[in-house]
Protein backbone atom coordinates (compact mmCIF):
# COMPACT_ATOMS: atom_id res chain seq x y z
CA MET A 1 -8.90 -9.48 17.56
CA TRP A 2 -6.74 -7.31 14.20
CA LYS A 3 -2.90 -7.81 15.28
CA SER A 4 -1.23 -5.43 16.09
CA ARG A 5 2.09 -4.59 14.73
CA ASN A 6 4.02 -5.92 17.81
CA GLU A 7 2.58 -9.16 17.04
CA LEU A 8 2.55 -9.76 12.75
CA PRO A 9 5.97 -10.43 11.41
CA SER A 10 7.83 -7.86 8.98
CA LEU A 11 7.18 -8.87 5.61
CA VAL A 12 4.29 -12.12 4.37
CA LYS A 13 4.45 -13.37 1.29
CA LEU A 14 0.34 -14.39 0.66
CA ASN A 15 -0.44 -17.09 -1.79
CA LEU A 16 -2.91 -14.01 -3.61
CA GLN A 17 -1.35 -14.02 -7.25
CA VAL A 18 -2.47 -12.12 -10.41
CA ASP A 19 -1.11 -11.90 -14.21
CA ILE A 20 1.87 -9.54 -13.77
CA ASP A 21 2.31 -9.44 -17.50
CA ARG A 22 -0.93 -7.86 -17.70
CA LEU A 23 -1.03 -6.44 -14.51
CA ARG A 24 3.15 -4.47 -16.04
CA ARG A 25 1.17 -3.35 -19.22
CA GLU A 26 -1.63 -1.20 -17.25
CA VAL A 27 0.77 0.06 -14.71
CA SER A 28 2.64 1.24 -17.37
CA GLU A 29 0.72 2.82 -19.81
CA TYR A 30 -1.24 4.43 -16.67
CA ILE A 31 1.92 5.46 -15.28
CA LEU A 32 2.41 8.24 -18.62
CA LYS A 33 -1.00 9.60 -18.53
CA GLN A 34 -0.54 11.64 -14.64
CA ALA A 35 0.41 14.07 -13.50
CA ASP A 36 0.48 13.98 -10.00
CA CYS A 37 2.61 12.52 -7.11
CA MET A 38 2.65 11.77 -3.08
CA GLU A 39 5.19 15.30 -3.04
CA ASP A 40 3.06 17.69 -5.00
CA GLY A 41 -0.68 18.54 -5.19
CA PRO A 42 -3.74 17.35 -2.81
CA TYR A 43 -1.92 14.27 -1.24
CA LYS A 44 0.42 16.89 0.20
CA ASN A 45 -2.06 16.76 3.28
CA LEU A 46 -0.81 12.70 3.82
CA ARG A 47 3.15 14.65 4.13
CA ASP A 48 1.87 17.25 6.80
CA ALA A 49 0.09 14.27 8.71
CA TYR A 50 3.11 12.22 8.72
CA GLY A 51 5.06 14.83 10.55
CA TYR A 52 7.13 15.25 7.07
CA ASN A 53 7.95 12.27 8.13
CA LEU A 54 8.54 11.01 4.62
CA SER A 55 10.56 13.97 3.07
CA PRO A 56 14.17 13.04 5.30
CA ALA A 57 13.38 9.45 4.59
CA ALA A 58 13.21 9.56 1.50
CA TYR A 59 16.19 12.37 0.12
CA ASP A 60 18.51 12.64 3.20
CA GLY A 61 16.91 15.01 5.61
CA LYS A 62 15.10 17.51 2.93
CA THR A 63 12.27 18.72 4.04
CA ASN A 64 8.03 18.87 3.25
CA LYS A 65 10.53 22.55 1.97
CA ASP A 66 13.09 21.59 0.21
CA VAL A 67 11.45 19.24 -1.39
CA ASP A 68 8.54 20.91 -2.49
CA LYS A 69 11.17 24.76 -3.46
CA ASP A 70 12.83 21.75 -5.38
CA PHE A 71 10.49 19.87 -7.09
CA ASP A 72 11.08 18.19 -10.50
CA TRP A 73 9.39 15.33 -11.25
CA ASN A 74 12.00 14.36 -13.23
CA ASP A 75 14.86 14.31 -10.93
CA ILE A 76 13.42 12.57 -6.95
CA PRO A 77 14.74 9.37 -7.08
CA TYR A 78 11.21 8.23 -4.76
CA LYS A 79 8.17 9.29 -5.85
CA GLN A 80 4.08 7.64 -5.63
CA VAL A 81 1.86 8.31 -8.71
CA ALA A 82 -2.05 8.03 -6.87
CA VAL A 83 -4.17 4.97 -8.11
CA THR A 84 -7.21 6.51 -5.92
CA GLU A 85 -8.38 10.17 -4.74
CA PHE A 86 -9.44 11.37 -1.51
CA ASP A 87 -13.31 10.37 -0.77
CA GLU A 88 -15.33 13.36 0.67
CA ASN A 89 -17.48 10.35 2.17
CA TYR A 90 -15.26 8.34 3.39
CA HIS A 91 -16.39 7.38 7.13
CA VAL A 92 -14.39 4.76 9.38
CA ARG A 93 -15.90 1.13 9.79
CA LYS A 94 -17.72 0.51 12.04
CA ASP A 95 -16.75 -2.26 12.66
CA ARG A 96 -13.69 -1.74 13.55
CA ASN A 97 -11.63 -4.32 15.25
CA SER A 98 -8.20 -2.20 16.18
CA GLY A 99 -6.92 0.32 18.97
CA LYS A 100 -8.81 3.59 20.16
CA ARG A 101 -5.60 5.24 19.27
CA TYR A 102 -6.33 4.88 15.84
CA ASP A 103 -10.30 5.12 15.70
CA ARG A 104 -10.07 8.07 16.87
CA GLY A 105 -7.34 11.11 16.96
CA PHE A 106 -5.29 9.31 14.54
CA MET A 107 -4.06 11.89 11.87
CA LYS A 108 -4.80 15.17 13.18
CA ASN A 109 -9.02 13.81 13.44
CA ASP A 110 -9.68 15.04 9.89
CA LYS A 111 -9.95 12.75 7.15
CA ARG A 112 -8.30 15.06 4.36
CA PHE A 113 -5.11 13.88 7.02
CA ASP A 114 -6.58 10.36 7.01
CA GLU A 115 -4.87 7.51 4.44
CA ARG A 116 -7.69 5.64 4.51
CA ALA A 117 -10.13 8.26 3.25
CA TYR A 118 -8.25 8.76 -0.25
CA SER A 119 -9.95 5.18 -1.27
CA LYS A 120 -11.86 6.20 -4.43
CA ILE A 121 -10.89 4.79 -7.13
CA LYS A 122 -9.34 7.28 -9.97
CA ALA A 123 -11.74 6.74 -12.99
CA ASP A 124 -9.34 6.40 -16.02
CA VAL A 125 -7.54 3.33 -13.65
CA PRO A 126 -7.41 0.68 -16.30
CA PRO A 127 -9.84 -2.83 -15.52
CA TYR A 128 -7.23 -4.93 -14.92
CA LEU A 129 -5.61 -2.58 -11.58
CA ARG A 130 -9.37 -2.39 -10.16
CA GLU A 131 -9.87 -5.85 -11.31
CA VAL A 132 -6.61 -6.57 -9.06
CA ILE A 133 -7.49 -4.28 -5.85
CA SER A 134 -10.54 -5.75 -5.40
CA LYS A 135 -8.91 -8.76 -4.53
CA PHE A 136 -7.44 -6.99 -0.91
CA GLY A 137 -11.95 -6.71 -0.45
CA PRO A 138 -14.09 -4.29 0.14
CA HIS A 139 -12.13 -2.08 2.46
CA THR A 140 -8.96 -0.96 0.04
CA ALA A 141 -7.98 3.04 1.19
CA ARG A 142 -5.47 4.44 -0.53
CA VAL A 143 -2.88 3.22 -4.23
CA CYS A 144 -0.10 4.05 -5.58
CA ILE A 145 1.59 3.31 -7.62
CA ALA A 146 5.59 4.13 -5.77
CA THR A 147 9.04 3.82 -7.76
CA THR A 148 12.35 4.13 -6.61
CA GLU A 149 15.95 5.25 -8.73
CA PRO A 150 19.54 3.06 -8.95
CA GLY A 151 20.06 5.16 -6.00
CA GLY A 152 17.02 6.18 -4.36
CA GLY A 153 16.10 4.59 -1.46
CA ILE A 154 14.07 4.98 1.94
CA LYS A 155 15.55 5.06 5.53
CA PRO A 156 14.70 3.12 8.18
CA HIS A 157 11.02 4.08 9.88
CA ARG A 158 7.72 3.97 11.29
CA ASP A 159 4.67 4.77 9.80
CA TYR A 160 1.01 3.54 11.21
CA ASP A 161 0.07 0.58 13.82
CA THR A 162 -1.31 -2.10 11.92
CA THR A 163 -4.29 -1.85 14.05
CA PHE A 164 -4.64 1.37 12.15
CA CYS A 165 -4.45 0.18 7.58
CA THR A 166 -2.62 -2.91 6.74
CA ARG A 167 0.11 -2.49 3.48
CA TYR A 168 0.07 -4.71 0.89
CA HIS A 169 3.23 -4.74 -1.96
CA ILE A 170 3.48 -5.93 -5.48
CA ALA A 171 6.64 -5.57 -7.65
CA ILE A 172 6.01 -4.34 -11.48
CA ASN A 173 8.80 -3.70 -12.39
CA THR A 174 12.17 -4.68 -10.00
CA ASN A 175 15.56 -5.81 -10.01
CA GLU A 176 18.51 -8.16 -7.24
CA LYS A 177 19.70 -5.50 -5.98
CA ALA A 178 16.63 -3.77 -5.52
CA THR A 179 14.89 -4.71 -1.92
CA VAL A 180 12.88 -3.67 1.49
CA ASN A 181 13.95 -4.48 4.97
CA ASP A 182 17.15 -6.57 2.99
CA MET A 183 14.57 -8.67 1.31
CA HIS A 184 14.06 -8.17 -2.82
CA ILE A 185 10.77 -8.94 -3.73
CA PRO A 186 10.47 -10.68 -7.95
CA ALA A 187 8.12 -9.32 -9.52
CA ASP A 188 6.33 -12.74 -9.89
CA GLY A 189 2.44 -11.33 -8.94
CA TYR A 190 2.28 -12.01 -5.59
CA ALA A 191 1.24 -9.70 -2.55
CA TRP A 192 3.56 -9.08 0.19
CA PHE A 193 1.94 -7.93 2.84
CA LEU A 194 4.77 -4.68 4.66
CA ASN A 195 4.50 -4.20 8.17
CA ALA A 196 3.93 -0.37 8.46
CA GLY A 197 4.65 0.16 11.30
CA LYS A 198 7.67 -1.74 12.67
CA ASN A 199 11.56 -0.27 11.13
CA HIS A 200 10.89 -0.48 7.47
CA TRP A 201 12.75 0.75 4.51
CA VAL A 202 13.76 0.58 0.24
CA LYS A 203 16.72 -0.06 -1.36
CA ASN A 204 17.90 0.10 -5.08
CA GLU A 205 21.32 -0.09 -5.61
CA GLY A 206 21.13 -0.77 -8.56
CA ALA A 207 20.60 -0.12 -12.21
CA GLU A 208 16.78 -0.49 -13.10
CA SER A 209 14.13 1.99 -11.75
CA ARG A 210 11.89 -0.54 -9.30
CA THR A 211 8.36 -0.48 -9.31
CA HIS A 212 5.91 -1.54 -6.86
CA LEU A 213 2.45 -1.38 -6.55
CA LEU A 214 1.09 -0.62 -3.22
CA ILE A 215 -2.51 -1.70 -2.24
CA MET A 216 -3.27 -0.20 1.30
CA VAL A 217 -6.27 -1.25 3.37
CA ASP A 218 -8.55 -0.76 6.30
CA GLY A 219 -7.97 -3.80 7.77
CA GLN A 220 -6.94 -6.96 8.43
CA GLU A 221 -9.15 -9.04 6.43
CA PRO A 222 -6.11 -10.08 3.08
CA LEU A 223 -4.13 -11.88 5.92
CA ASP A 224 -7.51 -14.00 7.19
CA GLU A 225 -8.46 -15.05 3.45
CA TYR A 226 -4.56 -15.39 1.83
CA GLU A 227 -2.64 -18.42 3.10
CA TRP A 228 0.79 -16.69 4.08
CA MET A 229 3.80 -18.24 2.77
CA GLU A 230 6.70 -17.19 2.96
CA VAL A 231 7.44 -14.82 6.43
CA TYR A 232 10.53 -12.66 7.55
CA ASP A 233 10.41 -10.53 10.70
CA SER A 234 13.47 -7.93 10.75
CA GLU A 235 13.01 -6.89 14.41
């Protein structure tokens, strides 16, 4: 059986390592070409699905409407650039090994609000970034590039259980004062599992932007395939 959030630690460093210099070059070039992020456009469906949880956590209590009204890409302290897009042909995998609540009822029973359905890699994604995503197996879901500006962050919150989807981070650019659950993830190419079903938070108290690649997976195969190098629990 897939493990629930209470059966998994908060953070795990996996022995999955990529060429961080090559990835950083591609990610930096890719970001410059993009005009959409989770705070605007089609990804607004996901914010609605989460019951407006992201905006208050990331923007000091502001609602989605506040963020939409005052939206300015250059000013917002936290943003996500989409690497994948909505796949109209998405169907929940038949071999899921998880609870019925997350198979049937989560995300309003509408795949527009289902993070797993945003699994189609966009046409302009460069080759090595595609290769990195493939290392997480055949069931990758939404992938994005998340940037937290100096002084920005996300307050403690919970998303979905690990039986619904698992989440992995690779730090692209960072500084020692940029943390997840008060842990600094260095930009050394290693992938980290983040338990989104437990309280988690982000802080950037440094002077430089912090950018992570986030890969969501419809399953837990990476946790079984890769060795656990370091384990941390904040709850």
